[in-house]
Amino acid sequence: MTRQSMNFQQVIRKSGLSKKEIASRKKIKPETLSRHLSGAIRMTLDDAYEYAEILGCTPQEIFYVQDAQPVLIKNYINNNKKDPKWSTSFERVLQIENPDILYVPSYFHDNLAACVHVQRGDYDGQLSMLANSVDVVLADPIIKGYVAQSSYQAMSYISVKNMDVIDTPRETTNILMMMVYPQPNNLYSIFNPLTKGQFEGVELNWATPVCAHVLQPQIFVPDMPTFT
């Protein structure tokens, strides 16, 4: 049985419908449904759309496994009157132990983690559009503590060893979002293209690239939890 057919089984169980009823609604023989479930017959995209309409899900949920993705970083968006541009500061909290879980389709990679943006209740700055959005990153660099080469020259989440060398009014923890450039002696240059902030000779605990940014994840994850 393929991974896709196993996922199809799971979606059917979740729907509460019997296989006989599903086959009847799709106007196929129960044997055809069984062959789709076993992978003996390859499911077409049209099949997936028809099954999705019957089961009350998306075709992606049939084709792709809903994997448990740990929420390793929460980006709390706070008011900051010292910041003249966005009136915003970020409190980025790492939670490797017992993280919240987000169930999402894994299209590209098995080793992914989520970073969610959580807006404080009294926030009235200029970045409210980030509230509830999700950044998808590689999990291993955070968990194992290393700088991923794929973070080089890419927007990344980074952990800075010494915040004394960083002068920014928007960051209140040692976890930042920056572009990473390697330098000799295991040091790095980091740069934020939005704020134009650049710092040289920085030591990093880890760095992981932003693989995707999802502004409205609830469209893809209808039962998206509310993070606090």
N, C-alpha and C. Protein backbone atom coordinates (compact mmCIF):
# COMPACT_ATOMS: atom_id res chain seq x y z
N MET A 1 0.85 -1.20 0.00
CA MET A 1 0.00 0.00 0.00
C MET A 1 0.88 1.25 0.00
N THR A 2 0.60 2.18 -0.89
CA THR A 2 1.39 3.40 -0.98
C THR A 2 1.04 4.36 0.14
N ARG A 3 1.94 5.35 0.34
CA ARG A 3 1.68 6.37 1.36
C ARG A 3 0.42 7.16 1.02
N GLN A 4 0.21 7.41 -0.30
CA GLN A 4 -0.98 8.15 -0.72
C GLN A 4 -2.25 7.38 -0.39
N SER A 5 -2.25 6.06 -0.67
CA SER A 5 -3.44 5.27 -0.40
C SER A 5 -3.71 5.16 1.09
N MET A 6 -2.63 5.11 1.90
CA MET A 6 -2.81 5.12 3.35
C MET A 6 -3.46 6.42 3.80
N ASN A 7 -3.05 7.53 3.18
CA ASN A 7 -3.64 8.82 3.53
C ASN A 7 -5.10 8.87 3.12
N PHE A 8 -5.42 8.30 1.95
CA PHE A 8 -6.80 8.24 1.47
C PHE A 8 -7.67 7.48 2.48
N GLN A 9 -7.14 6.37 3.00
CA GLN A 9 -7.85 5.61 4.03
C GLN A 9 -8.15 6.48 5.24
N GLN A 10 -7.15 7.25 5.64
CA GLN A 10 -7.30 8.10 6.83
C GLN A 10 -8.37 9.17 6.61
N VAL A 11 -8.40 9.77 5.41
CA VAL A 11 -9.39 10.80 5.10
C VAL A 11 -10.80 10.20 5.11
N ILE A 12 -10.93 8.99 4.59
CA ILE A 12 -12.24 8.33 4.58
C ILE A 12 -12.71 8.05 6.01
N ARG A 13 -11.82 7.54 6.85
CA ARG A 13 -12.19 7.29 8.26
C ARG A 13 -12.65 8.57 8.94
N LYS A 14 -11.94 9.66 8.66
CA LYS A 14 -12.27 10.94 9.28
C LYS A 14 -13.64 11.45 8.83
N SER A 15 -14.04 11.12 7.60
CA SER A 15 -15.31 11.61 7.06
C SER A 15 -16.52 10.96 7.73
N GLY A 16 -16.35 9.74 8.23
CA GLY A 16 -17.47 9.02 8.84
C GLY A 16 -18.37 8.33 7.84
N LEU A 17 -18.07 8.42 6.55
CA LEU A 17 -18.88 7.78 5.51
C LEU A 17 -18.41 6.35 5.29
N SER A 18 -19.35 5.48 4.92
CA SER A 18 -18.98 4.11 4.58
C SER A 18 -18.43 4.08 3.16
N LYS A 19 -17.61 3.07 2.88
CA LYS A 19 -17.04 2.94 1.55
C LYS A 19 -18.14 2.70 0.52
N LYS A 20 -19.16 1.99 0.93
CA LYS A 20 -20.29 1.73 0.02
C LYS A 20 -20.98 3.02 -0.35
N GLU A 21 -21.17 3.91 0.63
CA GLU A 21 -21.84 5.19 0.36
C GLU A 21 -20.96 6.08 -0.52
N ILE A 22 -19.66 6.08 -0.28
CA ILE A 22 -18.74 6.89 -1.09
C ILE A 22 -18.77 6.42 -2.54
N ALA A 23 -18.71 5.09 -2.75
CA ALA A 23 -18.75 4.55 -4.11
C ALA A 23 -20.06 4.90 -4.79
N SER A 24 -21.16 4.84 -4.04
CA SER A 24 -22.46 5.17 -4.61
C SER A 24 -22.53 6.62 -5.04
N ARG A 25 -22.01 7.54 -4.20
CA ARG A 25 -22.05 8.96 -4.54
C ARG A 25 -21.15 9.27 -5.73
N LYS A 26 -20.06 8.55 -5.86
CA LYS A 26 -19.14 8.78 -6.99
C LYS A 26 -19.58 8.04 -8.25
N LYS A 27 -20.60 7.18 -8.07
CA LYS A 27 -21.16 6.40 -9.19
C LYS A 27 -20.11 5.46 -9.79
N ILE A 28 -19.43 4.77 -8.87
CA ILE A 28 -18.49 3.74 -9.27
C ILE A 28 -18.80 2.47 -8.48
N LYS A 29 -18.22 1.36 -8.91
CA LYS A 29 -18.39 0.12 -8.17
C LYS A 29 -17.53 0.14 -6.91
N PRO A 30 -17.99 -0.50 -5.84
CA PRO A 30 -17.16 -0.57 -4.62
C PRO A 30 -15.78 -1.18 -4.89
N GLU A 31 -15.70 -2.09 -5.88
CA GLU A 31 -14.41 -2.68 -6.22
C GLU A 31 -13.42 -1.65 -6.75
N THR A 32 -13.96 -0.64 -7.49
CA THR A 32 -13.10 0.42 -8.02
C THR A 32 -12.54 1.26 -6.88
N LEU A 33 -13.41 1.59 -5.91
CA LEU A 33 -12.94 2.33 -4.74
C LEU A 33 -11.87 1.54 -4.00
N SER A 34 -12.07 0.23 -3.86
CA SER A 34 -11.09 -0.61 -3.16
C SER A 34 -9.75 -0.59 -3.89
N ARG A 35 -9.80 -0.58 -5.22
CA ARG A 35 -8.55 -0.55 -5.99
C ARG A 35 -7.85 0.80 -5.86
N HIS A 36 -8.65 1.88 -5.77
CA HIS A 36 -8.04 3.19 -5.51
C HIS A 36 -7.37 3.20 -4.13
N LEU A 37 -8.05 2.59 -3.16
CA LEU A 37 -7.53 2.58 -1.80
C LEU A 37 -6.25 1.74 -1.70
N SER A 38 -6.18 0.66 -2.43
CA SER A 38 -5.01 -0.21 -2.35
C SER A 38 -3.86 0.28 -3.22
N GLY A 39 -4.17 1.21 -4.15
CA GLY A 39 -3.15 1.67 -5.06
C GLY A 39 -3.04 0.82 -6.31
N ALA A 40 -3.94 -0.18 -6.45
CA ALA A 40 -3.92 -1.03 -7.64
C ALA A 40 -4.30 -0.24 -8.89
N ILE A 41 -5.17 0.76 -8.72
CA ILE A 41 -5.54 1.67 -9.81
C ILE A 41 -5.06 3.06 -9.43
N ARG A 42 -4.33 3.69 -10.33
CA ARG A 42 -3.82 5.04 -10.06
C ARG A 42 -4.97 6.04 -10.09
N MET A 43 -5.05 6.85 -9.06
CA MET A 43 -6.09 7.86 -8.96
C MET A 43 -5.73 9.08 -9.81
N THR A 44 -6.67 9.55 -10.61
CA THR A 44 -6.43 10.75 -11.41
C THR A 44 -6.76 11.99 -10.59
N LEU A 45 -6.39 13.16 -11.12
CA LEU A 45 -6.72 14.40 -10.44
C LEU A 45 -8.22 14.61 -10.40
N ASP A 46 -8.92 14.22 -11.47
CA ASP A 46 -10.39 14.32 -11.48
C ASP A 46 -10.98 13.44 -10.39
N ASP A 47 -10.43 12.23 -10.22
CA ASP A 47 -10.89 11.36 -9.13
C ASP A 47 -10.73 12.04 -7.78
N ALA A 48 -9.56 12.64 -7.59
CA ALA A 48 -9.27 13.29 -6.30
C ALA A 48 -10.26 14.42 -6.03
N TYR A 49 -10.58 15.22 -7.04
CA TYR A 49 -11.53 16.31 -6.86
C TYR A 49 -12.92 15.77 -6.54
N GLU A 50 -13.32 14.69 -7.21
CA GLU A 50 -14.65 14.12 -6.94
C GLU A 50 -14.71 13.51 -5.54
N TYR A 51 -13.66 12.79 -5.15
CA TYR A 51 -13.63 12.24 -3.80
C TYR A 51 -13.61 13.36 -2.75
N ALA A 52 -12.86 14.43 -3.03
CA ALA A 52 -12.77 15.53 -2.07
C ALA A 52 -14.13 16.17 -1.84
N GLU A 53 -14.91 16.33 -2.92
CA GLU A 53 -16.25 16.91 -2.77
C GLU A 53 -17.14 16.02 -1.93
N ILE A 54 -17.01 14.72 -2.10
CA ILE A 54 -17.82 13.77 -1.33
C ILE A 54 -17.39 13.75 0.14
N LEU A 55 -16.08 13.79 0.36
CA LEU A 55 -15.54 13.62 1.71
C LEU A 55 -15.44 14.93 2.49
N GLY A 56 -15.69 16.06 1.81
CA GLY A 56 -15.62 17.35 2.50
C GLY A 56 -14.22 17.77 2.85
N CYS A 57 -13.28 17.52 1.93
CA CYS A 57 -11.88 17.90 2.15
C CYS A 57 -11.33 18.49 0.86
N THR A 58 -10.05 18.71 0.79
CA THR A 58 -9.41 19.21 -0.42
C THR A 58 -8.72 18.06 -1.14
N PRO A 59 -8.52 18.17 -2.45
CA PRO A 59 -7.76 17.12 -3.16
C PRO A 59 -6.36 16.94 -2.58
N GLN A 60 -5.76 18.04 -2.09
CA GLN A 60 -4.43 17.95 -1.50
C GLN A 60 -4.41 17.03 -0.28
N GLU A 61 -5.51 17.03 0.48
CA GLU A 61 -5.58 16.17 1.66
C GLU A 61 -5.64 14.70 1.28
N ILE A 62 -6.10 14.41 0.07
CA ILE A 62 -6.13 13.03 -0.40
C ILE A 62 -4.77 12.63 -0.95
N PHE A 63 -4.13 13.53 -1.69
CA PHE A 63 -2.85 13.22 -2.33
C PHE A 63 -1.67 13.30 -1.36
N TYR A 64 -1.76 14.18 -0.35
CA TYR A 64 -0.61 14.41 0.51
C TYR A 64 -0.96 14.10 1.96
N VAL A 65 -0.02 13.49 2.64
CA VAL A 65 -0.22 13.13 4.04
C VAL A 65 -0.23 14.38 4.91
N GLN A 66 -1.17 14.43 5.86
CA GLN A 66 -1.21 15.52 6.82
C GLN A 66 -0.23 15.21 7.94
N ASP A 67 0.94 15.80 7.88
CA ASP A 67 1.99 15.50 8.84
C ASP A 67 1.93 16.44 10.04
N ALA A 68 2.39 15.94 11.16
CA ALA A 68 2.50 16.76 12.36
C ALA A 68 3.76 17.61 12.27
N GLN A 69 3.59 18.92 12.24
CA GLN A 69 4.72 19.84 12.12
C GLN A 69 4.88 20.60 13.43
N PRO A 70 6.02 20.48 14.11
CA PRO A 70 6.18 21.16 15.39
C PRO A 70 6.30 22.67 15.21
N VAL A 71 5.69 23.42 16.11
CA VAL A 71 5.82 24.88 16.12
C VAL A 71 7.00 25.20 17.04
N LEU A 72 8.18 25.37 16.43
CA LEU A 72 9.40 25.54 17.23
C LEU A 72 9.63 26.98 17.66
N ILE A 73 9.05 27.94 16.95
CA ILE A 73 9.24 29.36 17.29
C ILE A 73 7.90 30.07 17.25
N LYS A 74 7.64 30.86 18.29
CA LYS A 74 6.50 31.77 18.28
C LYS A 74 7.01 33.20 18.24
N ASN A 75 6.57 33.95 17.25
CA ASN A 75 6.97 35.35 17.08
C ASN A 75 5.87 36.24 17.66
N TYR A 76 6.07 36.71 18.87
CA TYR A 76 5.07 37.59 19.48
C TYR A 76 5.28 39.02 18.97
N ILE A 77 4.21 39.60 18.42
CA ILE A 77 4.26 40.93 17.85
C ILE A 77 3.76 41.92 18.90
N ASN A 78 4.63 42.84 19.33
CA ASN A 78 4.32 43.76 20.42
C ASN A 78 4.38 45.21 19.97
N ASN A 79 3.70 46.07 20.71
CA ASN A 79 3.83 47.51 20.50
C ASN A 79 5.24 47.97 20.88
N ASN A 80 5.77 48.91 20.12
CA ASN A 80 7.09 49.46 20.42
C ASN A 80 7.14 50.90 19.90
N LYS A 81 6.86 51.85 20.76
CA LYS A 81 6.82 53.26 20.34
C LYS A 81 8.20 53.81 19.99
N LYS A 82 9.28 53.07 20.37
CA LYS A 82 10.63 53.53 20.03
C LYS A 82 10.98 53.25 18.57
N ASP A 83 10.17 52.44 17.92
CA ASP A 83 10.40 52.12 16.52
C ASP A 83 9.57 53.07 15.66
N PRO A 84 10.17 54.06 15.01
CA PRO A 84 9.40 55.07 14.29
C PRO A 84 8.71 54.56 13.04
N LYS A 85 9.18 53.45 12.48
CA LYS A 85 8.63 52.99 11.20
C LYS A 85 7.39 52.13 11.38
N TRP A 86 7.50 51.05 12.20
CA TRP A 86 6.40 50.11 12.34
C TRP A 86 5.80 50.07 13.74
N SER A 87 6.38 50.79 14.68
CA SER A 87 5.90 50.78 16.07
C SER A 87 5.77 49.33 16.58
N THR A 88 6.77 48.53 16.25
CA THR A 88 6.67 47.09 16.50
C THR A 88 7.98 46.53 17.05
N SER A 89 7.86 45.58 17.97
CA SER A 89 9.00 44.78 18.37
C SER A 89 8.58 43.31 18.34
N PHE A 90 9.58 42.43 18.23
CA PHE A 90 9.33 41.00 18.17
C PHE A 90 9.95 40.31 19.37
N GLU A 91 9.16 39.47 19.99
CA GLU A 91 9.66 38.61 21.06
C GLU A 91 9.57 37.18 20.54
N ARG A 92 10.69 36.64 20.10
CA ARG A 92 10.69 35.32 19.47
C ARG A 92 11.06 34.27 20.51
N VAL A 93 10.13 33.35 20.73
CA VAL A 93 10.28 32.36 21.80
C VAL A 93 10.49 30.98 21.19
N LEU A 94 11.59 30.33 21.57
CA LEU A 94 11.91 28.99 21.10
C LEU A 94 11.25 27.96 22.01
N GLN A 95 10.62 26.94 21.43
CA GLN A 95 10.01 25.90 22.26
C GLN A 95 10.27 24.53 21.63
N ILE A 96 11.43 23.99 21.95
CA ILE A 96 11.80 22.66 21.45
C ILE A 96 11.16 21.57 22.28
N GLU A 97 11.07 21.78 23.58
CA GLU A 97 10.43 20.81 24.46
C GLU A 97 8.91 20.98 24.41
N ASN A 98 8.20 19.89 24.11
CA ASN A 98 6.73 19.88 24.08
C ASN A 98 6.16 21.03 23.23
N PRO A 99 6.56 21.13 21.97
CA PRO A 99 6.02 22.21 21.13
C PRO A 99 4.57 21.98 20.76
N ASP A 100 3.87 23.06 20.42
CA ASP A 100 2.55 22.92 19.81
C ASP A 100 2.73 22.22 18.46
N ILE A 101 1.65 21.64 17.97
CA ILE A 101 1.71 20.88 16.71
C ILE A 101 0.73 21.49 15.71
N LEU A 102 1.19 21.59 14.48
CA LEU A 102 0.36 22.08 13.38
C LEU A 102 0.30 20.97 12.34
N TYR A 103 -0.92 20.54 11.98
CA TYR A 103 -1.07 19.48 10.99
C TYR A 103 -1.26 20.11 9.62
N VAL A 104 -0.28 19.90 8.75
CA VAL A 104 -0.29 20.53 7.43
C VAL A 104 0.14 19.52 6.38
N PRO A 105 -0.26 19.74 5.12
CA PRO A 105 0.24 18.86 4.05
C PRO A 105 1.73 19.07 3.84
N SER A 106 2.50 17.99 3.78
CA SER A 106 3.93 18.10 3.55
C SER A 106 4.21 17.85 2.07
N TYR A 107 4.34 18.91 1.32
CA TYR A 107 4.51 18.79 -0.13
C TYR A 107 5.96 18.53 -0.51
N PHE A 108 6.91 19.09 0.21
CA PHE A 108 8.28 19.14 -0.27
C PHE A 108 9.29 18.37 0.57
N HIS A 109 9.12 18.33 1.86
CA HIS A 109 10.21 17.89 2.74
C HIS A 109 9.62 17.34 4.03
N ASP A 110 10.25 16.28 4.56
CA ASP A 110 9.75 15.67 5.79
C ASP A 110 10.24 16.39 7.05
N ASN A 111 11.36 17.08 6.96
CA ASN A 111 11.99 17.67 8.13
C ASN A 111 11.69 19.17 8.20
N LEU A 112 10.41 19.49 8.43
CA LEU A 112 10.00 20.88 8.46
C LEU A 112 9.44 21.24 9.83
N ALA A 113 9.51 22.52 10.14
CA ALA A 113 8.92 23.04 11.38
C ALA A 113 8.23 24.36 11.07
N ALA A 114 7.37 24.79 11.97
CA ALA A 114 6.61 26.02 11.77
C ALA A 114 7.07 27.09 12.75
N CYS A 115 7.02 28.33 12.29
CA CYS A 115 7.22 29.51 13.13
C CYS A 115 5.98 30.37 12.95
N VAL A 116 5.23 30.57 14.02
CA VAL A 116 3.96 31.28 13.91
C VAL A 116 4.07 32.68 14.50
N HIS A 117 3.32 33.61 13.91
CA HIS A 117 3.28 34.99 14.38
C HIS A 117 2.03 35.18 15.24
N VAL A 118 2.24 35.59 16.46
CA VAL A 118 1.14 35.77 17.43
C VAL A 118 1.05 37.24 17.80
N GLN A 119 -0.07 37.86 17.52
CA GLN A 119 -0.26 39.29 17.80
C GLN A 119 -0.78 39.47 19.23
N ARG A 120 -0.09 40.32 19.99
CA ARG A 120 -0.57 40.66 21.33
C ARG A 120 -1.91 41.40 21.23
N GLY A 121 -2.74 41.23 22.24
CA GLY A 121 -4.09 41.79 22.18
C GLY A 121 -4.15 43.28 22.01
N ASP A 122 -3.17 44.03 22.55
CA ASP A 122 -3.22 45.49 22.47
C ASP A 122 -2.36 46.03 21.33
N TYR A 123 -1.88 45.17 20.44
CA TYR A 123 -0.98 45.62 19.38
C TYR A 123 -1.72 46.51 18.39
N ASP A 124 -1.14 47.69 18.08
CA ASP A 124 -1.74 48.59 17.10
C ASP A 124 -0.70 49.16 16.15
N GLY A 125 0.40 48.40 15.94
CA GLY A 125 1.46 48.83 15.02
C GLY A 125 1.12 48.57 13.57
N GLN A 126 2.15 48.63 12.71
CA GLN A 126 1.93 48.58 11.27
C GLN A 126 2.05 47.18 10.67
N LEU A 127 2.30 46.16 11.48
CA LEU A 127 2.53 44.82 10.94
C LEU A 127 1.45 43.83 11.36
N SER A 128 0.23 44.31 11.54
CA SER A 128 -0.85 43.42 11.96
C SER A 128 -1.16 42.36 10.91
N MET A 129 -0.78 42.60 9.66
CA MET A 129 -1.06 41.59 8.61
C MET A 129 -0.27 40.31 8.82
N LEU A 130 0.76 40.36 9.69
CA LEU A 130 1.53 39.16 9.98
C LEU A 130 0.83 38.24 10.98
N ALA A 131 -0.18 38.74 11.69
CA ALA A 131 -0.83 37.96 12.73
C ALA A 131 -1.37 36.65 12.16
N ASN A 132 -1.09 35.57 12.85
CA ASN A 132 -1.54 34.22 12.51
C ASN A 132 -0.87 33.63 11.28
N SER A 133 0.09 34.35 10.69
CA SER A 133 0.80 33.79 9.54
C SER A 133 1.86 32.80 10.02
N VAL A 134 2.33 31.98 9.10
CA VAL A 134 3.26 30.90 9.43
C VAL A 134 4.45 30.94 8.49
N ASP A 135 5.65 30.84 9.06
CA ASP A 135 6.86 30.61 8.27
C ASP A 135 7.24 29.14 8.41
N VAL A 136 7.55 28.51 7.31
CA VAL A 136 7.98 27.12 7.31
C VAL A 136 9.50 27.07 7.17
N VAL A 137 10.16 26.37 8.07
CA VAL A 137 11.63 26.30 8.08
C VAL A 137 12.08 24.85 8.20
N LEU A 138 13.38 24.62 7.99
CA LEU A 138 13.97 23.31 8.27
C LEU A 138 14.11 23.14 9.79
N ALA A 139 13.73 21.99 10.29
CA ALA A 139 13.72 21.77 11.73
C ALA A 139 15.10 21.42 12.29
N ASP A 140 15.87 20.60 11.59
CA ASP A 140 17.12 20.07 12.14
C ASP A 140 18.11 21.14 12.61
N PRO A 141 18.33 22.22 11.84
CA PRO A 141 19.30 23.22 12.31
C PRO A 141 18.95 23.79 13.68
N ILE A 142 17.67 23.94 13.96
CA ILE A 142 17.24 24.46 15.26
C ILE A 142 17.44 23.41 16.35
N ILE A 143 16.98 22.20 16.07
CA ILE A 143 17.01 21.14 17.08
C ILE A 143 18.45 20.70 17.37
N LYS A 144 19.26 20.58 16.32
CA LYS A 144 20.63 20.07 16.49
C LYS A 144 21.66 21.18 16.66
N GLY A 145 21.26 22.43 16.42
CA GLY A 145 22.14 23.56 16.69
C GLY A 145 23.27 23.75 15.71
N TYR A 146 22.94 23.98 14.43
CA TYR A 146 23.99 24.27 13.45
C TYR A 146 23.46 25.26 12.41
N VAL A 147 24.38 25.85 11.67
CA VAL A 147 24.03 26.81 10.62
C VAL A 147 23.88 26.05 9.30
N ALA A 148 22.67 25.98 8.78
CA ALA A 148 22.43 25.27 7.53
C ALA A 148 23.02 26.07 6.36
N GLN A 149 23.73 25.40 5.47
CA GLN A 149 24.29 26.09 4.31
C GLN A 149 23.19 26.68 3.43
N SER A 150 22.01 26.09 3.46
CA SER A 150 20.90 26.61 2.67
C SER A 150 20.39 27.95 3.19
N SER A 151 20.88 28.37 4.38
CA SER A 151 20.51 29.69 4.89
C SER A 151 21.40 30.79 4.31
N TYR A 152 22.51 30.41 3.66
CA TYR A 152 23.41 31.41 3.10
C TYR A 152 22.70 32.23 2.02
N GLN A 153 22.79 33.55 2.13
CA GLN A 153 22.20 34.49 1.20
C GLN A 153 20.69 34.30 1.08
N ALA A 154 20.08 33.81 2.14
CA ALA A 154 18.63 33.58 2.15
C ALA A 154 18.04 34.13 3.44
N MET A 155 16.79 34.59 3.37
CA MET A 155 16.10 35.03 4.58
C MET A 155 15.95 33.84 5.51
N SER A 156 16.42 33.99 6.74
CA SER A 156 16.51 32.87 7.66
C SER A 156 16.17 33.28 9.08
N TYR A 157 15.77 32.31 9.86
CA TYR A 157 15.72 32.49 11.31
C TYR A 157 17.09 32.13 11.84
N ILE A 158 17.63 32.99 12.72
CA ILE A 158 18.96 32.75 13.27
C ILE A 158 18.93 32.94 14.78
N SER A 159 19.85 32.26 15.45
CA SER A 159 20.05 32.46 16.88
C SER A 159 21.44 33.02 17.09
N VAL A 160 21.52 34.23 17.66
CA VAL A 160 22.78 34.95 17.85
C VAL A 160 23.36 34.63 19.22
N LYS A 161 24.66 34.31 19.27
CA LYS A 161 25.28 33.98 20.55
C LYS A 161 25.41 35.19 21.47
N ASN A 162 25.75 36.35 20.90
CA ASN A 162 26.00 37.54 21.71
C ASN A 162 25.19 38.72 21.15
N MET A 163 24.12 39.08 21.82
CA MET A 163 23.27 40.17 21.33
C MET A 163 23.88 41.54 21.55
N ASP A 164 25.00 41.61 22.28
CA ASP A 164 25.64 42.91 22.52
C ASP A 164 26.13 43.54 21.22
N VAL A 165 26.36 42.72 20.19
CA VAL A 165 26.86 43.26 18.91
C VAL A 165 25.72 43.64 17.98
N ILE A 166 24.48 43.41 18.41
CA ILE A 166 23.30 43.70 17.57
C ILE A 166 22.59 44.92 18.12
N ASP A 167 22.43 45.93 17.28
CA ASP A 167 21.74 47.15 17.69
C ASP A 167 20.48 47.31 16.85
N THR A 168 19.37 46.83 17.37
CA THR A 168 18.09 46.98 16.68
C THR A 168 16.99 47.16 17.72
N PRO A 169 16.12 48.15 17.52
CA PRO A 169 15.07 48.41 18.52
C PRO A 169 13.90 47.43 18.43
N ARG A 170 13.89 46.60 17.40
CA ARG A 170 12.70 45.77 17.17
C ARG A 170 12.83 44.37 17.75
N GLU A 171 14.05 43.94 18.09
CA GLU A 171 14.25 42.57 18.53
C GLU A 171 14.54 42.53 20.03
N THR A 172 13.78 41.72 20.75
CA THR A 172 13.94 41.64 22.20
C THR A 172 14.55 40.31 22.65
N THR A 173 14.80 39.39 21.72
CA THR A 173 15.45 38.12 22.05
C THR A 173 16.62 37.91 21.09
N ASN A 174 17.34 36.82 21.27
CA ASN A 174 18.49 36.54 20.40
C ASN A 174 18.11 35.77 19.14
N ILE A 175 16.81 35.59 18.90
CA ILE A 175 16.34 34.95 17.67
C ILE A 175 15.85 36.04 16.72
N LEU A 176 16.45 36.10 15.53
CA LEU A 176 16.18 37.17 14.57
C LEU A 176 15.83 36.57 13.21
N MET A 177 15.31 37.41 12.33
CA MET A 177 15.14 37.05 10.93
C MET A 177 16.10 37.89 10.11
N MET A 178 17.07 37.23 9.47
CA MET A 178 18.12 37.93 8.74
C MET A 178 18.57 37.09 7.55
N MET A 179 19.25 37.74 6.60
CA MET A 179 19.98 37.03 5.57
C MET A 179 21.38 36.73 6.10
N VAL A 180 21.92 35.57 5.77
CA VAL A 180 23.16 35.09 6.36
C VAL A 180 24.26 35.01 5.30
N TYR A 181 25.43 35.55 5.63
CA TYR A 181 26.60 35.50 4.74
C TYR A 181 27.79 34.98 5.55
N PRO A 182 28.41 33.86 5.12
CA PRO A 182 29.53 33.30 5.88
C PRO A 182 30.78 34.16 5.78
N GLN A 183 31.52 34.22 6.88
CA GLN A 183 32.81 34.89 6.94
C GLN A 183 33.83 33.91 7.51
N PRO A 184 35.12 34.21 7.48
CA PRO A 184 36.13 33.31 8.05
C PRO A 184 35.93 33.12 9.56
N ASN A 185 36.54 32.04 10.08
CA ASN A 185 36.57 31.76 11.52
C ASN A 185 35.19 31.52 12.12
N ASN A 186 34.30 30.90 11.35
CA ASN A 186 32.96 30.56 11.83
C ASN A 186 32.16 31.79 12.27
N LEU A 187 32.42 32.90 11.64
CA LEU A 187 31.65 34.12 11.89
C LEU A 187 30.76 34.40 10.68
N TYR A 188 29.78 35.30 10.89
CA TYR A 188 28.81 35.57 9.84
C TYR A 188 28.48 37.05 9.77
N SER A 189 28.16 37.48 8.56
CA SER A 189 27.55 38.79 8.36
C SER A 189 26.06 38.56 8.20
N ILE A 190 25.26 39.35 8.92
CA ILE A 190 23.81 39.19 8.83
C ILE A 190 23.19 40.51 8.38
N PHE A 191 22.14 40.40 7.57
CA PHE A 191 21.56 41.58 6.94
C PHE A 191 20.05 41.42 6.83
N ASN A 192 19.32 42.49 7.20
CA ASN A 192 17.88 42.50 7.04
C ASN A 192 17.54 43.45 5.90
N PRO A 193 17.04 42.95 4.76
CA PRO A 193 16.77 43.81 3.61
C PRO A 193 15.62 44.79 3.84
N LEU A 194 14.77 44.51 4.83
CA LEU A 194 13.65 45.42 5.09
C LEU A 194 14.09 46.63 5.91
N THR A 195 14.91 46.39 6.92
CA THR A 195 15.34 47.49 7.80
C THR A 195 16.70 48.04 7.41
N LYS A 196 17.40 47.33 6.51
CA LYS A 196 18.76 47.69 6.07
C LYS A 196 19.78 47.53 7.19
N GLY A 197 19.40 46.84 8.25
CA GLY A 197 20.36 46.60 9.33
C GLY A 197 21.36 45.53 8.94
N GLN A 198 22.64 45.81 9.16
CA GLN A 198 23.70 44.87 8.82
C GLN A 198 24.71 44.81 9.94
N PHE A 199 25.16 43.58 10.29
CA PHE A 199 26.10 43.40 11.38
C PHE A 199 27.15 42.39 10.94
N GLU A 200 28.41 42.67 11.25
CA GLU A 200 29.54 41.87 10.81
C GLU A 200 30.14 41.09 11.98
N GLY A 201 30.79 39.97 11.66
CA GLY A 201 31.51 39.20 12.66
C GLY A 201 30.63 38.64 13.76
N VAL A 202 29.47 38.12 13.37
CA VAL A 202 28.49 37.63 14.36
C VAL A 202 28.63 36.12 14.53
N GLU A 203 28.62 35.66 15.78
CA GLU A 203 28.61 34.23 16.08
C GLU A 203 27.15 33.75 16.16
N LEU A 204 26.89 32.62 15.54
CA LEU A 204 25.53 32.08 15.52
C LEU A 204 25.47 30.71 16.21
N ASN A 205 24.37 30.48 16.91
CA ASN A 205 24.09 29.15 17.45
C ASN A 205 23.53 28.24 16.36
N TRP A 206 22.65 28.80 15.55
CA TRP A 206 22.06 28.06 14.44
C TRP A 206 21.43 29.04 13.46
N ALA A 207 21.16 28.55 12.27
CA ALA A 207 20.44 29.34 11.26
C ALA A 207 19.69 28.37 10.36
N THR A 208 18.44 28.69 10.06
CA THR A 208 17.61 27.84 9.21
C THR A 208 16.84 28.69 8.22
N PRO A 209 16.80 28.34 6.95
CA PRO A 209 16.17 29.20 5.95
C PRO A 209 14.65 29.15 6.02
N VAL A 210 14.02 30.26 5.66
CA VAL A 210 12.56 30.29 5.50
C VAL A 210 12.24 29.64 4.16
N CYS A 211 11.58 28.49 4.21
CA CYS A 211 11.24 27.76 2.99
C CYS A 211 9.95 28.26 2.36
N ALA A 212 9.05 28.76 3.19
CA ALA A 212 7.78 29.27 2.69
C ALA A 212 7.18 30.20 3.73
N HIS A 213 6.40 31.17 3.26
CA HIS A 213 5.66 32.07 4.16
C HIS A 213 4.19 32.00 3.76
N VAL A 214 3.34 31.65 4.70
CA VAL A 214 1.91 31.48 4.44
C VAL A 214 1.15 32.54 5.23
N LEU A 215 0.60 33.51 4.50
CA LEU A 215 -0.09 34.62 5.17
C LEU A 215 -1.42 34.19 5.78
N GLN A 216 -2.13 33.29 5.11
CA GLN A 216 -3.44 32.85 5.61
C GLN A 216 -3.49 31.32 5.65
N PRO A 217 -2.81 30.71 6.60
CA PRO A 217 -2.74 29.25 6.64
C PRO A 217 -4.09 28.59 6.88
N GLN A 218 -5.05 29.33 7.45
CA GLN A 218 -6.36 28.74 7.73
C GLN A 218 -7.08 28.32 6.45
N ILE A 219 -6.68 28.88 5.31
CA ILE A 219 -7.27 28.47 4.04
C ILE A 219 -6.87 27.03 3.72
N PHE A 220 -5.63 26.65 4.06
CA PHE A 220 -5.13 25.33 3.77
C PHE A 220 -5.34 24.37 4.94
N VAL A 221 -5.46 24.93 6.14
CA VAL A 221 -5.67 24.12 7.35
C VAL A 221 -6.94 24.62 8.02
N PRO A 222 -8.12 24.11 7.59
CA PRO A 222 -9.39 24.64 8.10
C PRO A 222 -9.52 24.59 9.62
N ASP A 223 -8.89 23.59 10.26
CA ASP A 223 -8.96 23.49 11.73
C ASP A 223 -7.70 24.08 12.37
N MET A 224 -7.18 25.13 11.75
CA MET A 224 -5.99 25.81 12.24
C MET A 224 -6.20 26.25 13.69
N PRO A 225 -5.32 25.84 14.60
CA PRO A 225 -5.49 26.25 16.00
C PRO A 225 -5.15 27.72 16.22
N THR A 226 -5.62 28.28 17.30
CA THR A 226 -5.29 29.64 17.70
C THR A 226 -4.13 29.56 18.68
N PHE A 227 -3.02 30.20 18.33
CA PHE A 227 -1.83 30.15 19.18
C PHE A 227 -1.80 31.35 20.11
N THR A 228 -1.28 31.11 21.31
CA THR A 228 -1.17 32.18 22.30
C THR A 228 0.25 32.20 22.86
